[in-house]
Full PDB file with SEQRES, HELIX, SHEET, SSBOND, CRYST1, ORIGX, SCALE, CONECT and MASTER records, all heavy atoms in Angstrom:
SEQRES   1 A   40  GLN MET ASN SER LEU LYS PRO GLU ASP THR ALA VAL TYR          
SEQRES   2 A   40  TYR CYS ALA VAL THR PRO PRO GLY VAL CYS TYR SER SER          
SEQRES   3 A   40  THR TRP ASP ARG ALA ILE ARG TYR THR TYR TRP GLY GLN          
SEQRES   4 A   40  GLY                                                          
HELIX    1 AA1 PRO A    7  ASP A    9  5                                   3    
HELIX    2 AA2 VAL A   22  TYR A   24  5                                   3    
HELIX    3 AA3 ALA A   31  ARG A   33  5                                   3    
SHEET    1 AA1 2 ALA A  16  VAL A  17  0                                        
SHEET    2 AA1 2 TYR A  36  TRP A  37 -1                                        
CRYST1    1.000    1.000    1.000  90.00  90.00  90.00 P 1           1          
ORIGX1      1.000000  0.000000  0.000000        0.00000                         
ORIGX2      0.000000  1.000000  0.000000        0.00000                         
ORIGX3      0.000000  0.000000  1.000000        0.00000                         
SCALE1      1.000000  0.000000  0.000000        0.00000                         
SCALE2      0.000000  1.000000  0.000000        0.00000                         
SCALE3      0.000000  0.000000  1.000000        0.00000                         
ATOM      1  N   GLN A   1      -1.919 -10.154  -5.733  1.00  0.00           N  
ATOM      2  CA  GLN A   1      -1.394 -11.063  -6.749  1.00  0.00           C  
ATOM      3  C   GLN A   1      -0.469 -10.278  -7.656  1.00  0.00           C  
ATOM      4  O   GLN A   1      -0.879  -9.283  -8.253  1.00  0.00           O  
ATOM      5  CB  GLN A   1      -2.541 -11.680  -7.558  1.00  0.00           C  
ATOM      6  CG  GLN A   1      -2.089 -12.607  -8.693  1.00  0.00           C  
ATOM      7  CD  GLN A   1      -1.433 -13.875  -8.163  1.00  0.00           C  
ATOM      8  OE1 GLN A   1      -1.920 -14.493  -7.222  1.00  0.00           O  
ATOM      9  NE2 GLN A   1      -0.324 -14.269  -8.784  1.00  0.00           N  
ATOM     10  N   MET A   2       0.760 -10.724  -7.775  1.00  0.00           N  
ATOM     11  CA  MET A   2       1.774 -10.024  -8.571  1.00  0.00           C  
ATOM     12  C   MET A   2       2.235 -10.936  -9.690  1.00  0.00           C  
ATOM     13  O   MET A   2       2.820 -11.984  -9.442  1.00  0.00           O  
ATOM     14  CB  MET A   2       2.941  -9.600  -7.690  1.00  0.00           C  
ATOM     15  CG  MET A   2       2.513  -8.806  -6.453  1.00  0.00           C  
ATOM     16  SD  MET A   2       3.918  -8.157  -5.495  1.00  0.00           S  
ATOM     17  CE  MET A   2       4.651  -9.703  -4.968  1.00  0.00           C  
ATOM     18  N   ASN A   3       1.977 -10.535 -10.901  1.00  0.00           N  
ATOM     19  CA  ASN A   3       2.400 -11.294 -12.087  1.00  0.00           C  
ATOM     20  C   ASN A   3       3.383 -10.480 -12.908  1.00  0.00           C  
ATOM     21  O   ASN A   3       3.536  -9.269 -12.730  1.00  0.00           O  
ATOM     22  CB  ASN A   3       1.150 -11.615 -12.959  1.00  0.00           C  
ATOM     23  CG  ASN A   3       0.144 -12.464 -12.248  1.00  0.00           C  
ATOM     24  OD1 ASN A   3       0.475 -13.299 -11.401  1.00  0.00           O  
ATOM     25  ND2 ASN A   3      -1.119 -12.263 -12.591  1.00  0.00           N  
ATOM     26  N   SER A   4       4.063 -11.176 -13.822  1.00  0.00           N  
ATOM     27  CA  SER A   4       5.041 -10.530 -14.702  1.00  0.00           C  
ATOM     28  C   SER A   4       6.014  -9.644 -13.920  1.00  0.00           C  
ATOM     29  O   SER A   4       6.269  -8.511 -14.294  1.00  0.00           O  
ATOM     30  CB  SER A   4       4.314  -9.688 -15.776  1.00  0.00           C  
ATOM     31  OG  SER A   4       3.424 -10.484 -16.516  1.00  0.00           O  
ATOM     32  N   LEU A   5       6.522 -10.219 -12.869  1.00  0.00           N  
ATOM     33  CA  LEU A   5       7.386  -9.445 -11.976  1.00  0.00           C  
ATOM     34  C   LEU A   5       8.695  -9.023 -12.668  1.00  0.00           C  
ATOM     35  O   LEU A   5       9.241  -9.747 -13.518  1.00  0.00           O  
ATOM     36  CB  LEU A   5       7.692 -10.243 -10.728  1.00  0.00           C  
ATOM     37  CG  LEU A   5       6.541 -10.293  -9.716  1.00  0.00           C  
ATOM     38  CD1 LEU A   5       6.707 -11.411  -8.733  1.00  0.00           C  
ATOM     39  CD2 LEU A   5       6.437  -8.950  -8.982  1.00  0.00           C  
ATOM     40  N   LYS A   6       9.149  -7.842 -12.290  1.00  0.00           N  
ATOM     41  CA  LYS A   6      10.352  -7.254 -12.858  1.00  0.00           C  
ATOM     42  C   LYS A   6      11.364  -6.992 -11.755  1.00  0.00           C  
ATOM     43  O   LYS A   6      10.970  -6.866 -10.567  1.00  0.00           O  
ATOM     44  CB  LYS A   6      10.009  -5.926 -13.534  1.00  0.00           C  
ATOM     45  CG  LYS A   6       8.928  -5.978 -14.572  1.00  0.00           C  
ATOM     46  CD  LYS A   6       8.574  -4.594 -15.068  1.00  0.00           C  
ATOM     47  CE  LYS A   6       7.447  -4.653 -16.121  1.00  0.00           C  
ATOM     48  NZ  LYS A   6       7.103  -3.281 -16.610  1.00  0.00           N  
ATOM     49  N   PRO A   7      12.630  -6.914 -12.061  1.00  0.00           N  
ATOM     50  CA  PRO A   7      13.624  -6.600 -11.039  1.00  0.00           C  
ATOM     51  C   PRO A   7      13.311  -5.324 -10.258  1.00  0.00           C  
ATOM     52  O   PRO A   7      13.578  -5.258  -9.047  1.00  0.00           O  
ATOM     53  CB  PRO A   7      14.931  -6.484 -11.833  1.00  0.00           C  
ATOM     54  CG  PRO A   7      14.705  -7.380 -13.022  1.00  0.00           C  
ATOM     55  CD  PRO A   7      13.261  -7.217 -13.362  1.00  0.00           C  
ATOM     56  N   GLU A   8      12.700  -4.354 -10.904  1.00  0.00           N  
ATOM     57  CA  GLU A   8      12.382  -3.104 -10.224  1.00  0.00           C  
ATOM     58  C   GLU A   8      11.238  -3.244  -9.239  1.00  0.00           C  
ATOM     59  O   GLU A   8      10.904  -2.303  -8.518  1.00  0.00           O  
ATOM     60  CB  GLU A   8      12.095  -1.990 -11.226  1.00  0.00           C  
ATOM     61  CG  GLU A   8      11.085  -2.351 -12.313  1.00  0.00           C  
ATOM     62  CD  GLU A   8      11.726  -2.800 -13.585  1.00  0.00           C  
ATOM     63  OE1 GLU A   8      12.701  -3.618 -13.541  1.00  0.00           O  
ATOM     64  OE2 GLU A   8      11.238  -2.388 -14.670  1.00  0.00           O  
ATOM     65  N   ASP A   9      10.582  -4.406  -9.192  1.00  0.00           N  
ATOM     66  CA  ASP A   9       9.561  -4.663  -8.212  1.00  0.00           C  
ATOM     67  C   ASP A   9      10.172  -5.117  -6.869  1.00  0.00           C  
ATOM     68  O   ASP A   9       9.462  -5.277  -5.877  1.00  0.00           O  
ATOM     69  CB  ASP A   9       8.573  -5.734  -8.690  1.00  0.00           C  
ATOM     70  CG  ASP A   9       7.764  -5.270  -9.901  1.00  0.00           C  
ATOM     71  OD1 ASP A   9       7.305  -4.129  -9.904  1.00  0.00           O  
ATOM     72  OD2 ASP A   9       7.591  -6.111 -10.816  1.00  0.00           O  
ATOM     73  N   THR A  10      11.462  -5.332  -6.849  1.00  0.00           N  
ATOM     74  CA  THR A  10      12.145  -5.766  -5.640  1.00  0.00           C  
ATOM     75  C   THR A  10      11.999  -4.726  -4.557  1.00  0.00           C  
ATOM     76  O   THR A  10      12.344  -3.543  -4.744  1.00  0.00           O  
ATOM     77  CB  THR A  10      13.637  -6.028  -5.929  1.00  0.00           C  
ATOM     78  OG1 THR A  10      13.747  -7.124  -6.840  1.00  0.00           O  
ATOM     79  CG2 THR A  10      14.381  -6.363  -4.640  1.00  0.00           C  
ATOM     80  N   ALA A  11      11.491  -5.143  -3.398  1.00  0.00           N  
ATOM     81  CA  ALA A  11      11.231  -4.228  -2.271  1.00  0.00           C  
ATOM     82  C   ALA A  11      10.680  -5.008  -1.102  1.00  0.00           C  
ATOM     83  O   ALA A  11      10.321  -6.201  -1.251  1.00  0.00           O  
ATOM     84  CB  ALA A  11      10.237  -3.145  -2.696  1.00  0.00           C  
ATOM     85  N   VAL A  12      10.575  -4.356   0.035  1.00  0.00           N  
ATOM     86  CA  VAL A  12       9.792  -4.870   1.128  1.00  0.00           C  
ATOM     87  C   VAL A  12       8.351  -4.398   0.912  1.00  0.00           C  
ATOM     88  O   VAL A  12       8.132  -3.197   0.714  1.00  0.00           O  
ATOM     89  CB  VAL A  12      10.320  -4.397   2.490  1.00  0.00           C  
ATOM     90  CG1 VAL A  12       9.435  -4.919   3.616  1.00  0.00           C  
ATOM     91  CG2 VAL A  12      11.756  -4.866   2.687  1.00  0.00           C  
ATOM     92  N   TYR A  13       7.413  -5.323   0.946  1.00  0.00           N  
ATOM     93  CA  TYR A  13       6.010  -5.012   0.722  1.00  0.00           C  
ATOM     94  C   TYR A  13       5.270  -4.987   2.049  1.00  0.00           C  
ATOM     95  O   TYR A  13       5.414  -5.933   2.864  1.00  0.00           O  
ATOM     96  CB  TYR A  13       5.402  -6.022  -0.239  1.00  0.00           C  
ATOM     97  CG  TYR A  13       5.756  -5.756  -1.675  1.00  0.00           C  
ATOM     98  CD1 TYR A  13       7.060  -5.993  -2.132  1.00  0.00           C  
ATOM     99  CD2 TYR A  13       4.859  -5.234  -2.584  1.00  0.00           C  
ATOM    100  CE1 TYR A  13       7.428  -5.747  -3.441  1.00  0.00           C  
ATOM    101  CE2 TYR A  13       5.211  -4.982  -3.900  1.00  0.00           C  
ATOM    102  CZ  TYR A  13       6.501  -5.221  -4.319  1.00  0.00           C  
ATOM    103  OH  TYR A  13       6.861  -4.981  -5.616  1.00  0.00           O  
ATOM    104  N   TYR A  14       4.476  -3.946   2.252  1.00  0.00           N  
ATOM    105  CA  TYR A  14       3.717  -3.761   3.461  1.00  0.00           C  
ATOM    106  C   TYR A  14       2.223  -3.690   3.147  1.00  0.00           C  
ATOM    107  O   TYR A  14       1.844  -3.079   2.151  1.00  0.00           O  
ATOM    108  CB  TYR A  14       4.105  -2.468   4.163  1.00  0.00           C  
ATOM    109  CG  TYR A  14       5.553  -2.355   4.557  1.00  0.00           C  
ATOM    110  CD1 TYR A  14       6.487  -1.842   3.675  1.00  0.00           C  
ATOM    111  CD2 TYR A  14       5.970  -2.752   5.836  1.00  0.00           C  
ATOM    112  CE1 TYR A  14       7.824  -1.719   4.034  1.00  0.00           C  
ATOM    113  CE2 TYR A  14       7.304  -2.649   6.206  1.00  0.00           C  
ATOM    114  CZ  TYR A  14       8.206  -2.122   5.297  1.00  0.00           C  
ATOM    115  OH  TYR A  14       9.520  -2.008   5.674  1.00  0.00           O  
ATOM    116  N   CYS A  15       1.407  -4.258   4.024  1.00  0.00           N  
ATOM    117  CA  CYS A  15      -0.017  -3.951   3.920  1.00  0.00           C  
ATOM    118  C   CYS A  15      -0.368  -2.988   5.076  1.00  0.00           C  
ATOM    119  O   CYS A  15       0.328  -2.964   6.098  1.00  0.00           O  
ATOM    120  CB  CYS A  15      -0.865  -5.216   3.980  1.00  0.00           C  
ATOM    121  SG  CYS A  15      -0.870  -6.095   5.558  1.00  0.00           S  
ATOM    122  N   ALA A  16      -1.405  -2.249   4.860  1.00  0.00           N  
ATOM    123  CA  ALA A  16      -1.839  -1.270   5.831  1.00  0.00           C  
ATOM    124  C   ALA A  16      -3.348  -1.070   5.674  1.00  0.00           C  
ATOM    125  O   ALA A  16      -3.922  -1.381   4.646  1.00  0.00           O  
ATOM    126  CB  ALA A  16      -1.104   0.058   5.617  1.00  0.00           C  
ATOM    127  N   VAL A  17      -3.979  -0.556   6.728  1.00  0.00           N  
ATOM    128  CA  VAL A  17      -5.419  -0.298   6.669  1.00  0.00           C  
ATOM    129  C   VAL A  17      -5.706   1.149   7.015  1.00  0.00           C  
ATOM    130  O   VAL A  17      -4.958   1.799   7.748  1.00  0.00           O  
ATOM    131  CB  VAL A  17      -6.205  -1.248   7.585  1.00  0.00           C  
ATOM    132  CG1 VAL A  17      -6.055  -2.686   7.143  1.00  0.00           C  
ATOM    133  CG2 VAL A  17      -5.796  -1.076   9.047  1.00  0.00           C  
ATOM    134  N   THR A  18      -6.834   1.607   6.485  1.00  0.00           N  
ATOM    135  CA  THR A  18      -7.268   2.964   6.689  1.00  0.00           C  
ATOM    136  C   THR A  18      -8.784   3.000   6.732  1.00  0.00           C  
ATOM    137  O   THR A  18      -9.418   2.137   6.124  1.00  0.00           O  
ATOM    138  CB  THR A  18      -6.717   3.836   5.527  1.00  0.00           C  
ATOM    139  OG1 THR A  18      -7.116   5.194   5.746  1.00  0.00           O  
ATOM    140  CG2 THR A  18      -7.230   3.378   4.199  1.00  0.00           C  
ATOM    141  N   PRO A  19      -9.350   3.939   7.457  1.00  0.00           N  
ATOM    142  CA  PRO A  19     -10.823   4.013   7.519  1.00  0.00           C  
ATOM    143  C   PRO A  19     -11.434   4.219   6.145  1.00  0.00           C  
ATOM    144  O   PRO A  19     -10.767   4.635   5.202  1.00  0.00           O  
ATOM    145  CB  PRO A  19     -11.073   5.226   8.424  1.00  0.00           C  
ATOM    146  CG  PRO A  19      -9.853   5.317   9.269  1.00  0.00           C  
ATOM    147  CD  PRO A  19      -8.734   4.900   8.357  1.00  0.00           C  
ATOM    148  N   PRO A  20     -12.729   3.947   6.006  1.00  0.00           N  
ATOM    149  CA  PRO A  20     -13.415   4.087   4.717  1.00  0.00           C  
ATOM    150  C   PRO A  20     -13.250   5.466   4.094  1.00  0.00           C  
ATOM    151  O   PRO A  20     -13.199   6.460   4.795  1.00  0.00           O  
ATOM    152  CB  PRO A  20     -14.887   3.806   5.052  1.00  0.00           C  
ATOM    153  CG  PRO A  20     -14.805   2.966   6.283  1.00  0.00           C  
ATOM    154  CD  PRO A  20     -13.623   3.461   7.052  1.00  0.00           C  
ATOM    155  N   GLY A  21     -13.174   5.477   2.761  1.00  0.00           N  
ATOM    156  CA  GLY A  21     -13.107   6.735   2.028  1.00  0.00           C  
ATOM    157  C   GLY A  21     -11.774   6.996   1.373  1.00  0.00           C  
ATOM    158  O   GLY A  21     -11.732   7.629   0.313  1.00  0.00           O  
ATOM    159  N   VAL A  22     -10.706   6.511   1.947  1.00  0.00           N  
ATOM    160  CA  VAL A  22      -9.363   6.853   1.440  1.00  0.00           C  
ATOM    161  C   VAL A  22      -9.173   6.323   0.027  1.00  0.00           C  
ATOM    162  O   VAL A  22      -8.602   7.011  -0.826  1.00  0.00           O  
ATOM    163  CB  VAL A  22      -8.267   6.332   2.375  1.00  0.00           C  
ATOM    164  CG1 VAL A  22      -6.894   6.493   1.756  1.00  0.00           C  
ATOM    165  CG2 VAL A  22      -8.340   7.085   3.702  1.00  0.00           C  
ATOM    166  N   CYS A  23      -9.616   5.117  -0.243  1.00  0.00           N  
ATOM    167  CA  CYS A  23      -9.407   4.524  -1.572  1.00  0.00           C  
ATOM    168  C   CYS A  23     -10.188   5.260  -2.651  1.00  0.00           C  
ATOM    169  O   CYS A  23      -9.931   5.041  -3.853  1.00  0.00           O  
ATOM    170  CB  CYS A  23      -9.736   3.049  -1.576  1.00  0.00           C  
ATOM    171  SG  CYS A  23      -8.459   2.032  -0.825  1.00  0.00           S  
ATOM    172  N   TYR A  24     -11.141   6.077  -2.302  1.00  0.00           N  
ATOM    173  CA  TYR A  24     -11.900   6.864  -3.252  1.00  0.00           C  
ATOM    174  C   TYR A  24     -11.221   8.215  -3.532  1.00  0.00           C  
ATOM    175  O   TYR A  24     -11.707   8.974  -4.384  1.00  0.00           O  
ATOM    176  CB  TYR A  24     -13.302   7.104  -2.759  1.00  0.00           C  
ATOM    177  CG  TYR A  24     -14.190   5.892  -2.765  1.00  0.00           C  
ATOM    178  CD1 TYR A  24     -14.280   5.043  -1.658  1.00  0.00           C  
ATOM    179  CD2 TYR A  24     -14.971   5.564  -3.880  1.00  0.00           C  
ATOM    180  CE1 TYR A  24     -15.080   3.922  -1.648  1.00  0.00           C  
ATOM    181  CE2 TYR A  24     -15.775   4.435  -3.880  1.00  0.00           C  
ATOM    182  CZ  TYR A  24     -15.826   3.627  -2.767  1.00  0.00           C  
ATOM    183  OH  TYR A  24     -16.619   2.512  -2.771  1.00  0.00           O  
ATOM    184  N   SER A  25     -10.158   8.498  -2.830  1.00  0.00           N  
ATOM    185  CA  SER A  25      -9.518   9.812  -2.991  1.00  0.00           C  
ATOM    186  C   SER A  25      -8.252   9.730  -3.832  1.00  0.00           C  
ATOM    187  O   SER A  25      -7.685   8.657  -4.029  1.00  0.00           O  
ATOM    188  CB  SER A  25      -9.182  10.371  -1.596  1.00  0.00           C  
ATOM    189  OG  SER A  25      -8.016   9.753  -1.097  1.00  0.00           O  
ATOM    190  N   SER A  26      -7.799  10.883  -4.271  1.00  0.00           N  
ATOM    191  CA  SER A  26      -6.593  10.947  -5.082  1.00  0.00           C  
ATOM    192  C   SER A  26      -5.339  10.785  -4.242  1.00  0.00           C  
ATOM    193  O   SER A  26      -4.231  10.681  -4.782  1.00  0.00           O  
ATOM    194  CB  SER A  26      -6.543  12.274  -5.835  1.00  0.00           C  
ATOM    195  OG  SER A  26      -6.515  13.366  -4.913  1.00  0.00           O  
ATOM    196  N   THR A  27      -5.475  10.770  -2.919  1.00  0.00           N  
ATOM    197  CA  THR A  27      -4.334  10.630  -2.033  1.00  0.00           C  
ATOM    198  C   THR A  27      -4.284   9.250  -1.387  1.00  0.00           C  
ATOM    199  O   THR A  27      -3.722   9.079  -0.309  1.00  0.00           O  
ATOM    200  CB  THR A  27      -4.346  11.720  -0.962  1.00  0.00           C  
ATOM    201  OG1 THR A  27      -5.559  11.639  -0.219  1.00  0.00           O  
ATOM    202  CG2 THR A  27      -4.200  13.089  -1.565  1.00  0.00           C  
ATOM    203  N   TRP A  28      -4.865   8.259  -2.057  1.00  0.00           N  
ATOM    204  CA  TRP A  28      -4.879   6.898  -1.518  1.00  0.00           C  
ATOM    205  C   TRP A  28      -3.489   6.355  -1.307  1.00  0.00           C  
ATOM    206  O   TRP A  28      -3.285   5.420  -0.530  1.00  0.00           O  
ATOM    207  CB  TRP A  28      -5.665   5.963  -2.469  1.00  0.00           C  
ATOM    208  CG  TRP A  28      -4.994   5.758  -3.782  1.00  0.00           C  
ATOM    209  CD1 TRP A  28      -5.188   6.497  -4.919  1.00  0.00           C  
ATOM    210  CD2 TRP A  28      -3.981   4.803  -4.108  1.00  0.00           C  
ATOM    211  NE1 TRP A  28      -4.380   6.043  -5.907  1.00  0.00           N  
ATOM    212  CE2 TRP A  28      -3.615   5.004  -5.459  1.00  0.00           C  
ATOM    213  CE3 TRP A  28      -3.354   3.796  -3.386  1.00  0.00           C  
ATOM    214  CZ2 TRP A  28      -2.665   4.222  -6.098  1.00  0.00           C  
ATOM    215  CZ3 TRP A  28      -2.393   3.014  -4.023  1.00  0.00           C  
ATOM    216  CH2 TRP A  28      -2.071   3.229  -5.354  1.00  0.00           C  
ATOM    217  N   ASP A  29      -2.526   6.887  -2.042  1.00  0.00           N  
ATOM    218  CA  ASP A  29      -1.156   6.348  -1.980  1.00  0.00           C  
ATOM    219  C   ASP A  29      -0.266   7.062  -0.990  1.00  0.00           C  
ATOM    220  O   ASP A  29       0.965   6.859  -1.009  1.00  0.00           O  
ATOM    221  CB  ASP A  29      -0.526   6.376  -3.380  1.00  0.00           C  
ATOM    222  CG  ASP A  29      -0.498   7.789  -3.953  1.00  0.00           C  
ATOM    223  OD1 ASP A  29      -1.175   8.685  -3.387  1.00  0.00           O  
ATOM    224  OD2 ASP A  29       0.186   7.988  -4.981  1.00  0.00           O  
ATOM    225  N   ARG A  30      -0.847   7.885  -0.146  1.00  0.00           N  
ATOM    226  CA  ARG A  30      -0.064   8.597   0.892  1.00  0.00           C  
ATOM    227  C   ARG A  30      -0.014   7.733   2.125  1.00  0.00           C  
ATOM    228  O   ARG A  30      -1.037   7.458   2.763  1.00  0.00           O  
ATOM    229  CB  ARG A  30      -0.695   9.933   1.215  1.00  0.00           C  
ATOM    230  CG  ARG A  30      -0.872  10.827   0.003  1.00  0.00           C  
ATOM    231  CD  ARG A  30       0.401  11.532  -0.400  1.00  0.00           C  
ATOM    232  NE  ARG A  30       0.201  12.351  -1.604  1.00  0.00           N  
ATOM    233  CZ  ARG A  30      -0.246  13.581  -1.622  1.00  0.00           C  
ATOM    234  NH1 ARG A  30      -0.555  14.179  -0.472  1.00  0.00           N  
ATOM    235  NH2 ARG A  30      -0.385  14.226  -2.762  1.00  0.00           N  
ATOM    236  N   ALA A  31       1.161   7.301   2.544  1.00  0.00           N  
ATOM    237  CA  ALA A  31       1.305   6.427   3.674  1.00  0.00           C  
ATOM    238  C   ALA A  31       0.734   7.023   4.964  1.00  0.00           C  
ATOM    239  O   ALA A  31       0.237   6.292   5.820  1.00  0.00           O  
ATOM    240  CB  ALA A  31       2.799   6.078   3.867  1.00  0.00           C  
ATOM    241  N   ILE A  32       0.798   8.312   5.070  1.00  0.00           N  
ATOM    242  CA  ILE A  32       0.353   8.980   6.316  1.00  0.00           C  
ATOM    243  C   ILE A  32      -1.141   8.779   6.527  1.00  0.00           C  
ATOM    244  O   ILE A  32      -1.638   8.933   7.645  1.00  0.00           O  
ATOM    245  CB  ILE A  32       0.698  10.477   6.262  1.00  0.00           C  
ATOM    246  CG1 ILE A  32       0.602  11.085   7.657  1.00  0.00           C  
ATOM    247  CG2 ILE A  32      -0.198  11.218   5.257  1.00  0.00           C  
ATOM    248  CD1 ILE A  32       1.120  12.504   7.755  1.00  0.00           C  
ATOM    249  N   ARG A  33      -1.885   8.392   5.511  1.00  0.00           N  
ATOM    250  CA  ARG A  33      -3.330   8.226   5.654  1.00  0.00           C  
ATOM    251  C   ARG A  33      -3.700   6.853   6.201  1.00  0.00           C  
ATOM    252  O   ARG A  33      -4.876   6.576   6.436  1.00  0.00           O  
ATOM    253  CB  ARG A  33      -4.002   8.436   4.293  1.00  0.00           C  
ATOM    254  CG  ARG A  33      -3.758   9.825   3.699  1.00  0.00           C  
ATOM    255  CD  ARG A  33      -4.821  10.225   2.751  1.00  0.00           C  
ATOM    256  NE  ARG A  33      -6.103  10.396   3.422  1.00  0.00           N  
ATOM    257  CZ  ARG A  33      -7.228  10.718   2.823  1.00  0.00           C  
ATOM    258  NH1 ARG A  33      -7.261  10.926   1.514  1.00  0.00           N  
ATOM    259  NH2 ARG A  33      -8.352  10.865   3.500  1.00  0.00           N  
ATOM    260  N   TYR A  34      -2.727   6.004   6.412  1.00  0.00           N  
ATOM    261  CA  TYR A  34      -2.981   4.635   6.874  1.00  0.00           C  
ATOM    262  C   TYR A  34      -2.677   4.498   8.366  1.00  0.00           C  
ATOM    263  O   TYR A  34      -1.674   5.035   8.858  1.00  0.00           O  
ATOM    264  CB  TYR A  34      -2.197   3.625   6.039  1.00  0.00           C  
ATOM    265  CG  TYR A  34      -2.745   3.565   4.629  1.00  0.00           C  
ATOM    266  CD1 TYR A  34      -2.478   4.582   3.720  1.00  0.00           C  
ATOM    267  CD2 TYR A  34      -3.563   2.518   4.212  1.00  0.00           C  
ATOM    268  CE1 TYR A  34      -3.011   4.556   2.422  1.00  0.00           C  
ATOM    269  CE2 TYR A  34      -4.067   2.468   2.929  1.00  0.00           C  
ATOM    270  CZ  TYR A  34      -3.807   3.484   2.049  1.00  0.00           C  
ATOM    271  OH  TYR A  34      -4.318   3.446   0.790  1.00  0.00           O  
ATOM    272  N   THR A  35      -3.546   3.735   9.035  1.00  0.00           N  
ATOM    273  CA  THR A  35      -3.500   3.720  10.503  1.00  0.00           C  
ATOM    274  C   THR A  35      -2.630   2.601  11.047  1.00  0.00           C  
ATOM    275  O   THR A  35      -1.829   2.816  11.937  1.00  0.00           O  
ATOM    276  CB  THR A  35      -4.921   3.561  11.039  1.00  0.00           C  
ATOM    277  OG1 THR A  35      -5.761   4.541  10.449  1.00  0.00           O  
ATOM    278  CG2 THR A  35      -4.949   3.696  12.560  1.00  0.00           C  
ATOM    279  N   TYR A  36      -2.870   1.401  10.545  1.00  0.00           N  
ATOM    280  CA  TYR A  36      -2.159   0.233  11.059  1.00  0.00           C  
ATOM    281  C   TYR A  36      -1.345  -0.408   9.934  1.00  0.00           C  
ATOM    282  O   TYR A  36      -1.809  -0.469   8.795  1.00  0.00           O  
ATOM    283  CB  TYR A  36      -3.113  -0.811  11.644  1.00  0.00           C  
ATOM    284  CG  TYR A  36      -4.003  -0.260  12.743  1.00  0.00           C  
ATOM    285  CD1 TYR A  36      -5.371  -0.112  12.574  1.00  0.00           C  
ATOM    286  CD2 TYR A  36      -3.433   0.104  13.970  1.00  0.00           C  
ATOM    287  CE1 TYR A  36      -6.176   0.400  13.556  1.00  0.00           C  
ATOM    288  CE2 TYR A  36      -4.245   0.601  14.997  1.00  0.00           C  
ATOM    289  CZ  TYR A  36      -5.610   0.754  14.780  1.00  0.00           C  
ATOM    290  OH  TYR A  36      -6.384   1.271  15.768  1.00  0.00           O  
ATOM    291  N   TRP A  37      -0.169  -0.900  10.309  1.00  0.00           N  
ATOM    292  CA  TRP A  37       0.778  -1.461   9.343  1.00  0.00           C  
ATOM    293  C   TRP A  37       1.249  -2.832   9.754  1.00  0.00           C  
ATOM    294  O   TRP A  37       1.391  -3.117  10.953  1.00  0.00           O  
ATOM    295  CB  TRP A  37       1.990  -0.543   9.205  1.00  0.00           C  
ATOM    296  CG  TRP A  37       1.689   0.773   8.560  1.00  0.00           C  
ATOM    297  CD1 TRP A  37       1.122   1.864   9.133  1.00  0.00           C  
ATOM    298  CD2 TRP A  37       1.925   1.111   7.184  1.00  0.00           C  
ATOM    299  NE1 TRP A  37       0.995   2.865   8.216  1.00  0.00           N  
ATOM    300  CE2 TRP A  37       1.493   2.442   7.012  1.00  0.00           C  
ATOM    301  CE3 TRP A  37       2.467   0.430   6.102  1.00  0.00           C  
ATOM    302  CZ2 TRP A  37       1.572   3.088   5.771  1.00  0.00           C  
ATOM    303  CZ3 TRP A  37       2.573   1.087   4.880  1.00  0.00           C  
ATOM    304  CH2 TRP A  37       2.110   2.402   4.737  1.00  0.00           C  
ATOM    305  N   GLY A  38       1.543  -3.663   8.761  1.00  0.00           N  
ATOM    306  CA  GLY A  38       2.203  -4.905   9.032  1.00  0.00           C  
ATOM    307  C   GLY A  38       3.702  -4.710   9.091  1.00  0.00           C  
ATOM    308  O   GLY A  38       4.215  -3.627   8.904  1.00  0.00           O  
ATOM    309  N   GLN A  39       4.422  -5.812   9.304  1.00  0.00           N  
ATOM    310  CA  GLN A  39       5.881  -5.734   9.497  1.00  0.00           C  
ATOM    311  C   GLN A  39       6.614  -5.814   8.170  1.00  0.00           C  
ATOM    312  O   GLN A  39       7.824  -5.547   8.117  1.00  0.00           O  
ATOM    313  CB  GLN A  39       6.364  -6.855  10.425  1.00  0.00           C  
ATOM    314  CG  GLN A  39       6.568  -8.205   9.767  1.00  0.00           C  
ATOM    315  CD  GLN A  39       5.292  -8.893   9.297  1.00  0.00           C  
ATOM    316  OE1 GLN A  39       4.184  -8.515   9.694  1.00  0.00           O  
ATOM    317  NE2 GLN A  39       5.419  -9.921   8.484  1.00  0.00           N  
ATOM    318  N   GLY A  40       5.920  -6.211   7.118  1.00  0.00           N  
ATOM    319  CA  GLY A  40       6.532  -6.262   5.789  1.00  0.00           C  
ATOM    320  C   GLY A  40       7.011  -7.659   5.403  1.00  0.00           C  
ATOM    321  O   GLY A  40       7.329  -8.492   6.268  1.00  0.00           O  
TER     322      GLY A  40                                                      
MASTER        0    0    0    3    2    0    0    6  321    1    0    4          
END                                                                             
C-alpha cells in the first residue's frame, strides 16, 4: 500500500521472494538475496 506518493516514487516496482531469515537481516534490501521475481 503506497500513500502520499511523490514524483520520486516513480519507478517499475517488482516483488520478489526469498527463503526465511532474510527479512531479519540488515541485508534484506539486497536484490541478490531474492530467488524469484515478478515482471514488474
